[in-house]
């Protein structure tokens, strides 16, 4: 992910992270003479509006696996 100074950082996003959640990257924000602030990253998840039959089948298989794993716990 690009930062304000033009360099890049790797931001690991945990599974289950929701759209709109905010994450802090310490020391990669705006620089002042006193210190460098933190970069705040907002997650924006885009959901496709159209999916093919094959994609829908795969999504439904994942949903079934998810529901099955919830019942095992």
N, C-alpha and C. Protein backbone atom coordinates (compact mmCIF):
# COMPACT_ATOMS: atom_id res chain seq x y z
N UNK A 1 0.85 -1.15 0.00
CA UNK A 1 0.00 0.00 0.00
C UNK A 1 0.90 1.22 0.00
N UNK A 2 0.63 2.21 -0.86
CA UNK A 2 1.46 3.41 -0.89
C UNK A 2 1.23 4.28 0.35
N UNK A 3 2.28 4.96 0.79
CA UNK A 3 2.18 5.86 1.92
C UNK A 3 2.28 7.30 1.44
N UNK A 4 2.17 8.24 2.37
CA UNK A 4 2.20 9.67 2.01
C UNK A 4 3.54 10.11 1.45
N UNK A 5 4.64 9.45 1.86
CA UNK A 5 5.96 9.85 1.37
C UNK A 5 6.37 9.15 0.08
N UNK A 6 5.46 8.36 -0.50
CA UNK A 6 5.73 7.69 -1.76
C UNK A 6 6.28 6.28 -1.62
N UNK A 7 6.64 5.88 -0.40
CA UNK A 7 7.11 4.51 -0.18
C UNK A 7 5.90 3.60 0.00
N UNK A 8 6.15 2.33 0.22
CA UNK A 8 5.07 1.36 0.40
C UNK A 8 5.21 0.62 1.72
N UNK A 9 4.10 0.17 2.25
CA UNK A 9 4.09 -0.69 3.43
C UNK A 9 3.15 -1.86 3.15
N UNK A 10 3.39 -2.96 3.82
CA UNK A 10 2.52 -4.12 3.72
C UNK A 10 1.58 -4.09 4.92
N UNK A 11 0.30 -4.06 4.65
CA UNK A 11 -0.70 -4.05 5.71
C UNK A 11 -1.43 -5.38 5.67
N UNK A 12 -1.29 -6.17 6.72
CA UNK A 12 -1.96 -7.47 6.78
C UNK A 12 -3.37 -7.27 7.31
N UNK A 13 -4.33 -7.71 6.52
CA UNK A 13 -5.74 -7.58 6.89
C UNK A 13 -6.23 -8.95 7.36
N UNK A 14 -6.75 -9.00 8.58
CA UNK A 14 -7.24 -10.27 9.13
C UNK A 14 -8.56 -10.66 8.48
N UNK A 15 -8.79 -11.96 8.39
CA UNK A 15 -10.07 -12.42 7.84
C UNK A 15 -11.20 -11.92 8.72
N UNK A 16 -12.30 -11.61 8.10
CA UNK A 16 -13.45 -11.09 8.84
C UNK A 16 -13.44 -9.58 9.00
N UNK A 17 -12.40 -8.91 8.49
CA UNK A 17 -12.33 -7.45 8.58
C UNK A 17 -13.48 -6.86 7.78
N UNK A 18 -14.21 -5.95 8.38
CA UNK A 18 -15.38 -5.36 7.76
C UNK A 18 -15.05 -4.08 7.00
N UNK A 19 -15.81 -3.81 5.96
CA UNK A 19 -15.67 -2.56 5.22
C UNK A 19 -15.94 -1.40 6.18
N UNK A 20 -15.13 -0.36 6.09
CA UNK A 20 -15.28 0.80 6.96
C UNK A 20 -14.41 0.76 8.20
N UNK A 21 -13.80 -0.41 8.49
CA UNK A 21 -12.93 -0.47 9.67
C UNK A 21 -11.66 0.33 9.42
N UNK A 22 -11.10 0.87 10.47
CA UNK A 22 -9.91 1.72 10.37
C UNK A 22 -8.72 1.03 11.04
N UNK A 23 -7.54 1.19 10.42
CA UNK A 23 -6.32 0.58 10.93
C UNK A 23 -5.22 1.65 10.96
N UNK A 24 -4.38 1.60 11.98
CA UNK A 24 -3.31 2.58 12.17
C UNK A 24 -1.97 2.00 11.73
N UNK A 25 -1.23 2.76 10.93
CA UNK A 25 0.14 2.41 10.56
C UNK A 25 1.02 3.44 11.25
N UNK A 26 1.64 3.04 12.37
CA UNK A 26 2.38 3.98 13.20
C UNK A 26 3.58 4.57 12.47
N UNK A 27 3.74 5.90 12.61
CA UNK A 27 4.90 6.60 12.10
C UNK A 27 4.96 6.77 10.59
N UNK A 28 3.86 6.52 9.89
CA UNK A 28 3.87 6.64 8.42
C UNK A 28 2.92 7.72 7.92
N UNK A 29 2.49 8.61 8.82
CA UNK A 29 1.57 9.68 8.44
C UNK A 29 2.31 10.95 8.07
N UNK A 30 1.71 12.08 8.38
CA UNK A 30 2.26 13.39 8.02
C UNK A 30 3.44 13.72 8.94
N UNK A 31 4.54 14.19 8.32
CA UNK A 31 5.74 14.59 9.07
C UNK A 31 5.63 16.06 9.47
N UNK A 32 6.00 16.35 10.70
CA UNK A 32 6.15 17.74 11.16
C UNK A 32 7.57 17.88 11.68
N UNK A 33 7.94 19.07 12.11
CA UNK A 33 9.28 19.25 12.66
C UNK A 33 9.44 18.51 13.98
N UNK A 34 8.35 18.29 14.68
CA UNK A 34 8.40 17.62 15.98
C UNK A 34 8.36 16.10 15.87
N UNK A 35 7.53 15.58 14.98
CA UNK A 35 7.37 14.12 14.90
C UNK A 35 6.66 13.75 13.61
N UNK A 36 6.53 12.44 13.38
CA UNK A 36 5.75 11.91 12.26
C UNK A 36 4.51 11.24 12.82
N UNK A 37 3.36 11.61 12.29
CA UNK A 37 2.10 11.05 12.78
C UNK A 37 1.84 9.65 12.24
N UNK A 38 0.71 9.13 12.59
CA UNK A 38 0.31 7.80 12.15
C UNK A 38 -0.58 7.92 10.91
N UNK A 39 -0.48 6.95 10.03
CA UNK A 39 -1.33 6.87 8.85
C UNK A 39 -2.56 6.04 9.23
N UNK A 40 -3.74 6.58 8.98
CA UNK A 40 -4.98 5.86 9.26
C UNK A 40 -5.53 5.34 7.92
N UNK A 41 -5.74 4.03 7.86
CA UNK A 41 -6.22 3.37 6.64
C UNK A 41 -7.65 2.90 6.88
N UNK A 42 -8.55 3.25 5.97
CA UNK A 42 -9.93 2.79 6.03
C UNK A 42 -10.13 1.70 4.99
N UNK A 43 -10.63 0.56 5.42
CA UNK A 43 -10.86 -0.58 4.53
C UNK A 43 -12.16 -0.35 3.76
N UNK A 44 -12.09 -0.53 2.44
CA UNK A 44 -13.26 -0.36 1.58
C UNK A 44 -13.42 -1.63 0.75
N UNK A 45 -14.40 -2.46 1.12
CA UNK A 45 -14.62 -3.73 0.45
C UNK A 45 -15.70 -3.54 -0.61
N UNK A 46 -15.38 -3.94 -1.84
CA UNK A 46 -16.35 -3.85 -2.93
C UNK A 46 -16.93 -5.24 -3.20
N UNK A 47 -18.23 -5.33 -3.22
CA UNK A 47 -18.94 -6.58 -3.49
C UNK A 47 -19.43 -6.53 -4.94
N UNK A 48 -19.12 -7.55 -5.74
CA UNK A 48 -19.58 -7.52 -7.13
C UNK A 48 -21.11 -7.54 -7.22
N UNK A 49 -21.64 -6.81 -8.20
CA UNK A 49 -23.10 -6.77 -8.37
C UNK A 49 -23.59 -7.88 -9.29
N UNK A 50 -22.70 -8.37 -10.16
CA UNK A 50 -23.06 -9.48 -11.05
C UNK A 50 -22.03 -10.58 -10.91
N UNK A 51 -22.50 -11.80 -10.76
CA UNK A 51 -21.61 -12.95 -10.69
C UNK A 51 -22.10 -14.01 -11.67
N UNK A 52 -21.15 -14.77 -12.18
CA UNK A 52 -21.51 -15.84 -13.12
C UNK A 52 -22.10 -17.02 -12.34
N UNK A 53 -22.68 -17.96 -13.06
CA UNK A 53 -23.24 -19.17 -12.45
C UNK A 53 -22.15 -19.91 -11.70
N UNK A 54 -20.96 -20.04 -12.32
CA UNK A 54 -19.85 -20.74 -11.67
C UNK A 54 -19.42 -20.02 -10.39
N UNK A 55 -19.33 -18.70 -10.42
CA UNK A 55 -18.96 -17.94 -9.22
C UNK A 55 -20.01 -18.11 -8.13
N UNK A 56 -21.28 -18.07 -8.50
CA UNK A 56 -22.35 -18.25 -7.51
C UNK A 56 -22.27 -19.63 -6.86
N UNK A 57 -22.00 -20.67 -7.66
CA UNK A 57 -21.87 -22.02 -7.13
C UNK A 57 -20.72 -22.09 -6.11
N UNK A 58 -19.61 -21.47 -6.44
CA UNK A 58 -18.45 -21.47 -5.53
C UNK A 58 -18.79 -20.73 -4.24
N UNK A 59 -19.46 -19.60 -4.35
CA UNK A 59 -19.84 -18.83 -3.16
C UNK A 59 -20.78 -19.64 -2.28
N UNK A 60 -21.71 -20.34 -2.90
CA UNK A 60 -22.64 -21.17 -2.13
C UNK A 60 -21.92 -22.33 -1.45
N UNK A 61 -20.91 -22.91 -2.11
CA UNK A 61 -20.11 -23.97 -1.49
C UNK A 61 -19.37 -23.44 -0.27
N UNK A 62 -18.81 -22.23 -0.40
CA UNK A 62 -18.12 -21.61 0.73
C UNK A 62 -19.08 -21.35 1.89
N UNK A 63 -20.28 -20.90 1.57
CA UNK A 63 -21.28 -20.65 2.61
C UNK A 63 -21.64 -21.93 3.34
N UNK A 64 -21.78 -23.03 2.59
CA UNK A 64 -22.09 -24.32 3.21
C UNK A 64 -20.96 -24.76 4.13
N UNK A 65 -19.70 -24.60 3.67
CA UNK A 65 -18.57 -24.95 4.52
C UNK A 65 -18.55 -24.11 5.78
N UNK A 66 -18.82 -22.82 5.65
CA UNK A 66 -18.83 -21.91 6.79
C UNK A 66 -19.91 -22.33 7.79
N UNK A 67 -21.10 -22.64 7.30
CA UNK A 67 -22.21 -23.06 8.16
C UNK A 67 -21.89 -24.38 8.85
N UNK A 68 -21.24 -25.29 8.15
CA UNK A 68 -20.87 -26.58 8.73
C UNK A 68 -19.82 -26.40 9.82
N UNK A 69 -18.84 -25.53 9.58
CA UNK A 69 -17.79 -25.33 10.59
C UNK A 69 -18.34 -24.66 11.84
N UNK A 70 -19.36 -23.80 11.69
CA UNK A 70 -19.99 -23.16 12.85
C UNK A 70 -20.69 -24.19 13.73
N UNK A 71 -21.28 -25.22 13.10
CA UNK A 71 -22.02 -26.24 13.85
C UNK A 71 -21.08 -27.17 14.60
N UNK A 72 -19.84 -27.36 14.09
CA UNK A 72 -18.89 -28.27 14.71
C UNK A 72 -18.36 -27.71 16.02
N UNK A 73 -18.25 -26.41 16.12
CA UNK A 73 -17.65 -25.77 17.29
C UNK A 73 -18.41 -25.98 18.53
